N, C-alpha and C. Protein backbone atom coordinates (compact mmCIF):
# COMPACT_ATOMS: atom_id res chain seq x y z
N MET A 1 23.12 -9.67 24.32
CA MET A 1 22.28 -10.79 24.00
C MET A 1 20.88 -10.28 23.64
N ILE A 2 20.26 -10.87 22.65
CA ILE A 2 18.93 -10.48 22.20
C ILE A 2 17.90 -11.39 22.85
N ASN A 3 16.91 -10.78 23.43
CA ASN A 3 15.80 -11.53 24.00
C ASN A 3 14.83 -11.85 22.86
N LEU A 4 14.74 -13.07 22.47
CA LEU A 4 13.91 -13.46 21.34
C LEU A 4 12.42 -13.30 21.62
N HIS A 5 12.07 -13.10 22.87
CA HIS A 5 10.67 -12.94 23.23
C HIS A 5 10.31 -11.49 23.51
N SER A 6 11.22 -10.60 23.18
CA SER A 6 10.99 -9.18 23.41
C SER A 6 9.84 -8.68 22.55
N PRO A 7 8.92 -7.90 23.12
CA PRO A 7 7.81 -7.36 22.33
C PRO A 7 8.31 -6.50 21.17
N GLN A 8 9.43 -5.78 21.38
CA GLN A 8 9.97 -4.96 20.31
C GLN A 8 10.41 -5.80 19.13
N LEU A 9 11.04 -6.93 19.41
CA LEU A 9 11.50 -7.81 18.35
C LEU A 9 10.31 -8.42 17.61
N VAL A 10 9.33 -8.86 18.36
CA VAL A 10 8.13 -9.44 17.74
C VAL A 10 7.42 -8.39 16.91
N SER A 11 7.30 -7.18 17.46
CA SER A 11 6.63 -6.10 16.75
C SER A 11 7.37 -5.76 15.46
N HIS A 12 8.68 -5.70 15.51
CA HIS A 12 9.47 -5.42 14.31
C HIS A 12 9.31 -6.53 13.29
N ALA A 13 9.34 -7.77 13.75
CA ALA A 13 9.18 -8.90 12.83
C ALA A 13 7.80 -8.89 12.20
N ALA A 14 6.77 -8.59 12.99
CA ALA A 14 5.41 -8.54 12.45
C ALA A 14 5.28 -7.41 11.43
N ALA A 15 5.87 -6.27 11.72
CA ALA A 15 5.82 -5.14 10.79
C ALA A 15 6.55 -5.48 9.50
N SER A 16 7.66 -6.16 9.61
CA SER A 16 8.42 -6.56 8.44
C SER A 16 7.62 -7.54 7.59
N THR A 17 6.94 -8.47 8.23
CA THR A 17 6.11 -9.44 7.51
C THR A 17 4.96 -8.74 6.81
N ARG A 18 4.29 -7.79 7.50
CA ARG A 18 3.19 -7.05 6.90
C ARG A 18 3.67 -6.24 5.69
N ALA A 19 4.83 -5.62 5.82
CA ALA A 19 5.38 -4.83 4.71
C ALA A 19 5.68 -5.72 3.51
N HIS A 20 6.24 -6.90 3.77
CA HIS A 20 6.55 -7.84 2.69
C HIS A 20 5.27 -8.31 2.01
N GLU A 21 4.25 -8.62 2.80
CA GLU A 21 2.97 -9.06 2.24
C GLU A 21 2.31 -7.95 1.44
N ALA A 22 2.41 -6.71 1.92
CA ALA A 22 1.83 -5.57 1.20
C ALA A 22 2.53 -5.37 -0.14
N ARG A 23 3.86 -5.46 -0.14
CA ARG A 23 4.60 -5.32 -1.40
C ARG A 23 4.24 -6.42 -2.38
N ALA A 24 4.11 -7.64 -1.88
CA ALA A 24 3.76 -8.77 -2.75
C ALA A 24 2.37 -8.58 -3.35
N LYS A 25 1.42 -8.11 -2.54
CA LYS A 25 0.07 -7.86 -3.05
C LYS A 25 0.11 -6.77 -4.11
N ARG A 26 0.84 -5.69 -3.83
CA ARG A 26 0.94 -4.60 -4.78
C ARG A 26 1.56 -5.08 -6.09
N GLU A 27 2.57 -5.90 -6.02
CA GLU A 27 3.22 -6.41 -7.23
C GLU A 27 2.29 -7.32 -8.03
N ARG A 28 1.49 -8.14 -7.35
CA ARG A 28 0.53 -9.01 -8.05
C ARG A 28 -0.52 -8.17 -8.79
N ILE A 29 -1.05 -7.17 -8.12
CA ILE A 29 -2.06 -6.32 -8.75
C ILE A 29 -1.45 -5.55 -9.91
N ALA A 30 -0.27 -4.99 -9.71
CA ALA A 30 0.39 -4.22 -10.76
C ALA A 30 0.71 -5.07 -11.97
N ALA A 31 1.09 -6.32 -11.74
CA ALA A 31 1.40 -7.22 -12.85
C ALA A 31 0.15 -7.52 -13.68
N LYS A 32 -0.99 -7.61 -13.00
CA LYS A 32 -2.24 -7.92 -13.70
C LYS A 32 -2.86 -6.69 -14.35
N LYS A 33 -2.89 -5.57 -13.63
CA LYS A 33 -3.67 -4.41 -14.05
C LYS A 33 -2.84 -3.19 -14.41
N GLY A 34 -1.59 -3.15 -14.02
CA GLY A 34 -0.76 -1.97 -14.23
C GLY A 34 -0.61 -1.20 -12.92
N MET A 35 0.42 -0.36 -12.87
CA MET A 35 0.77 0.36 -11.65
C MET A 35 -0.32 1.33 -11.21
N VAL A 36 -0.89 2.08 -12.16
CA VAL A 36 -1.91 3.07 -11.80
C VAL A 36 -3.14 2.36 -11.23
N ALA A 37 -3.58 1.29 -11.87
CA ALA A 37 -4.73 0.55 -11.38
C ALA A 37 -4.45 -0.07 -10.01
N ALA A 38 -3.24 -0.56 -9.81
CA ALA A 38 -2.87 -1.14 -8.52
C ALA A 38 -2.93 -0.08 -7.43
N MET A 39 -2.38 1.09 -7.71
CA MET A 39 -2.39 2.16 -6.72
C MET A 39 -3.82 2.63 -6.47
N ALA A 40 -4.63 2.73 -7.51
CA ALA A 40 -6.03 3.14 -7.35
C ALA A 40 -6.77 2.15 -6.46
N GLU A 41 -6.53 0.87 -6.66
CA GLU A 41 -7.20 -0.15 -5.85
C GLU A 41 -6.80 -0.03 -4.39
N ILE A 42 -5.52 0.18 -4.14
CA ILE A 42 -5.04 0.35 -2.76
C ILE A 42 -5.66 1.60 -2.16
N MET A 43 -5.73 2.69 -2.94
CA MET A 43 -6.34 3.93 -2.45
C MET A 43 -7.80 3.69 -2.05
N GLN A 44 -8.54 2.98 -2.88
CA GLN A 44 -9.94 2.69 -2.59
C GLN A 44 -10.08 1.83 -1.34
N ASP A 45 -9.27 0.80 -1.23
CA ASP A 45 -9.32 -0.09 -0.06
C ASP A 45 -9.04 0.69 1.22
N ARG A 46 -8.00 1.51 1.17
CA ARG A 46 -7.62 2.27 2.37
C ARG A 46 -8.67 3.32 2.71
N ALA A 47 -9.19 4.00 1.70
CA ALA A 47 -10.21 5.01 1.95
C ALA A 47 -11.49 4.38 2.49
N ALA A 48 -11.82 3.20 2.03
CA ALA A 48 -13.00 2.50 2.54
C ALA A 48 -12.83 2.12 4.01
N ALA A 49 -11.60 1.83 4.38
CA ALA A 49 -11.34 1.41 5.77
C ALA A 49 -11.25 2.60 6.72
N SER A 50 -10.75 3.75 6.24
CA SER A 50 -10.53 4.86 7.17
C SER A 50 -10.91 6.22 6.61
N ASP A 51 -11.65 6.26 5.53
CA ASP A 51 -12.10 7.51 4.90
C ASP A 51 -10.99 8.34 4.28
N ALA A 52 -9.78 7.80 4.19
CA ALA A 52 -8.68 8.55 3.58
C ALA A 52 -7.57 7.58 3.18
N CYS A 53 -6.75 8.03 2.27
CA CYS A 53 -5.55 7.29 1.90
C CYS A 53 -4.42 8.30 1.84
N THR A 54 -3.42 8.12 2.66
CA THR A 54 -2.30 9.04 2.74
C THR A 54 -1.08 8.47 2.01
N GLU A 55 -0.09 9.32 1.85
CA GLU A 55 1.17 8.86 1.26
C GLU A 55 1.77 7.76 2.14
N ALA A 56 1.63 7.89 3.45
CA ALA A 56 2.14 6.86 4.36
C ALA A 56 1.45 5.52 4.10
N ASP A 57 0.15 5.57 3.79
CA ASP A 57 -0.58 4.34 3.46
C ASP A 57 -0.01 3.69 2.21
N LEU A 58 0.30 4.52 1.21
CA LEU A 58 0.85 3.99 -0.04
C LEU A 58 2.26 3.43 0.17
N LEU A 59 3.05 4.12 1.00
CA LEU A 59 4.38 3.60 1.32
C LEU A 59 4.26 2.26 2.05
N ALA A 60 3.31 2.17 2.98
CA ALA A 60 3.10 0.93 3.72
C ALA A 60 2.63 -0.20 2.80
N ALA A 61 1.95 0.18 1.71
CA ALA A 61 1.48 -0.82 0.74
C ALA A 61 2.59 -1.29 -0.18
N GLY A 62 3.77 -0.70 -0.05
CA GLY A 62 4.91 -1.16 -0.83
C GLY A 62 5.29 -0.31 -2.01
N PHE A 63 4.60 0.82 -2.21
CA PHE A 63 4.98 1.72 -3.29
C PHE A 63 6.19 2.55 -2.86
N THR A 64 7.04 2.87 -3.80
CA THR A 64 8.18 3.73 -3.49
C THR A 64 7.76 5.18 -3.61
N GLU A 65 8.56 6.08 -3.08
CA GLU A 65 8.27 7.51 -3.19
C GLU A 65 8.22 7.93 -4.66
N ALA A 66 9.11 7.38 -5.47
CA ALA A 66 9.13 7.71 -6.90
C ALA A 66 7.85 7.23 -7.59
N GLU A 67 7.40 6.02 -7.26
CA GLU A 67 6.16 5.51 -7.84
C GLU A 67 4.96 6.37 -7.44
N ILE A 68 4.95 6.79 -6.19
CA ILE A 68 3.85 7.63 -5.71
C ILE A 68 3.86 8.97 -6.44
N ALA A 69 5.02 9.58 -6.55
CA ALA A 69 5.12 10.87 -7.23
C ALA A 69 4.67 10.75 -8.69
N MET A 70 5.02 9.66 -9.32
CA MET A 70 4.72 9.49 -10.74
C MET A 70 3.27 9.08 -11.00
N HIS A 71 2.72 8.18 -10.18
CA HIS A 71 1.44 7.57 -10.50
C HIS A 71 0.25 8.02 -9.65
N ALA A 72 0.50 8.67 -8.53
CA ALA A 72 -0.61 9.01 -7.61
C ALA A 72 -1.67 9.90 -8.25
N PRO A 73 -1.32 10.93 -9.02
CA PRO A 73 -2.39 11.76 -9.61
C PRO A 73 -3.33 10.95 -10.51
N ALA A 74 -2.78 10.12 -11.38
CA ALA A 74 -3.61 9.29 -12.27
C ALA A 74 -4.38 8.25 -11.46
N ALA A 75 -3.75 7.68 -10.45
CA ALA A 75 -4.42 6.68 -9.62
C ALA A 75 -5.57 7.31 -8.85
N ARG A 76 -5.36 8.53 -8.36
CA ARG A 76 -6.43 9.22 -7.63
C ARG A 76 -7.63 9.45 -8.55
N ARG A 77 -7.37 9.89 -9.77
CA ARG A 77 -8.46 10.10 -10.75
C ARG A 77 -9.18 8.78 -11.03
N ALA A 78 -8.41 7.71 -11.22
CA ALA A 78 -9.02 6.40 -11.50
C ALA A 78 -9.85 5.92 -10.32
N ALA A 79 -9.36 6.12 -9.10
CA ALA A 79 -10.09 5.69 -7.91
C ALA A 79 -11.40 6.48 -7.79
N LEU A 80 -11.34 7.77 -8.06
CA LEU A 80 -12.56 8.60 -8.00
C LEU A 80 -13.56 8.18 -9.06
N ARG A 81 -13.09 7.92 -10.27
CA ARG A 81 -13.98 7.47 -11.34
C ARG A 81 -14.65 6.15 -10.96
N SER A 82 -13.89 5.25 -10.42
CA SER A 82 -14.40 3.94 -10.03
C SER A 82 -15.42 4.08 -8.89
N ALA A 83 -15.16 4.98 -7.96
CA ALA A 83 -16.06 5.17 -6.83
C ALA A 83 -17.40 5.75 -7.27
N ARG A 84 -17.37 6.57 -8.31
CA ARG A 84 -18.59 7.19 -8.82
C ARG A 84 -19.43 6.21 -9.65
N ALA A 85 -18.78 5.19 -10.20
CA ALA A 85 -19.47 4.25 -11.09
C ALA A 85 -20.40 3.33 -10.35
């Protein structure tokens, strides 16, 4: 029997909701600006919050490993250019 009030269940459900919301945000930005711009924006937001953006941060934002491998170098350059402006 599953305890519906278990902290583990609530924690898993909350994490699942956050992941879904992150993916939805990433998809909205990508649809408007393109994948590289979306990733650059996420990189800037994360770096502003914690001074760094890791691959784990990008995965948590809803990017796939393939998207990260393909777009991260260009997104990093775009984020740096934007930060300098």
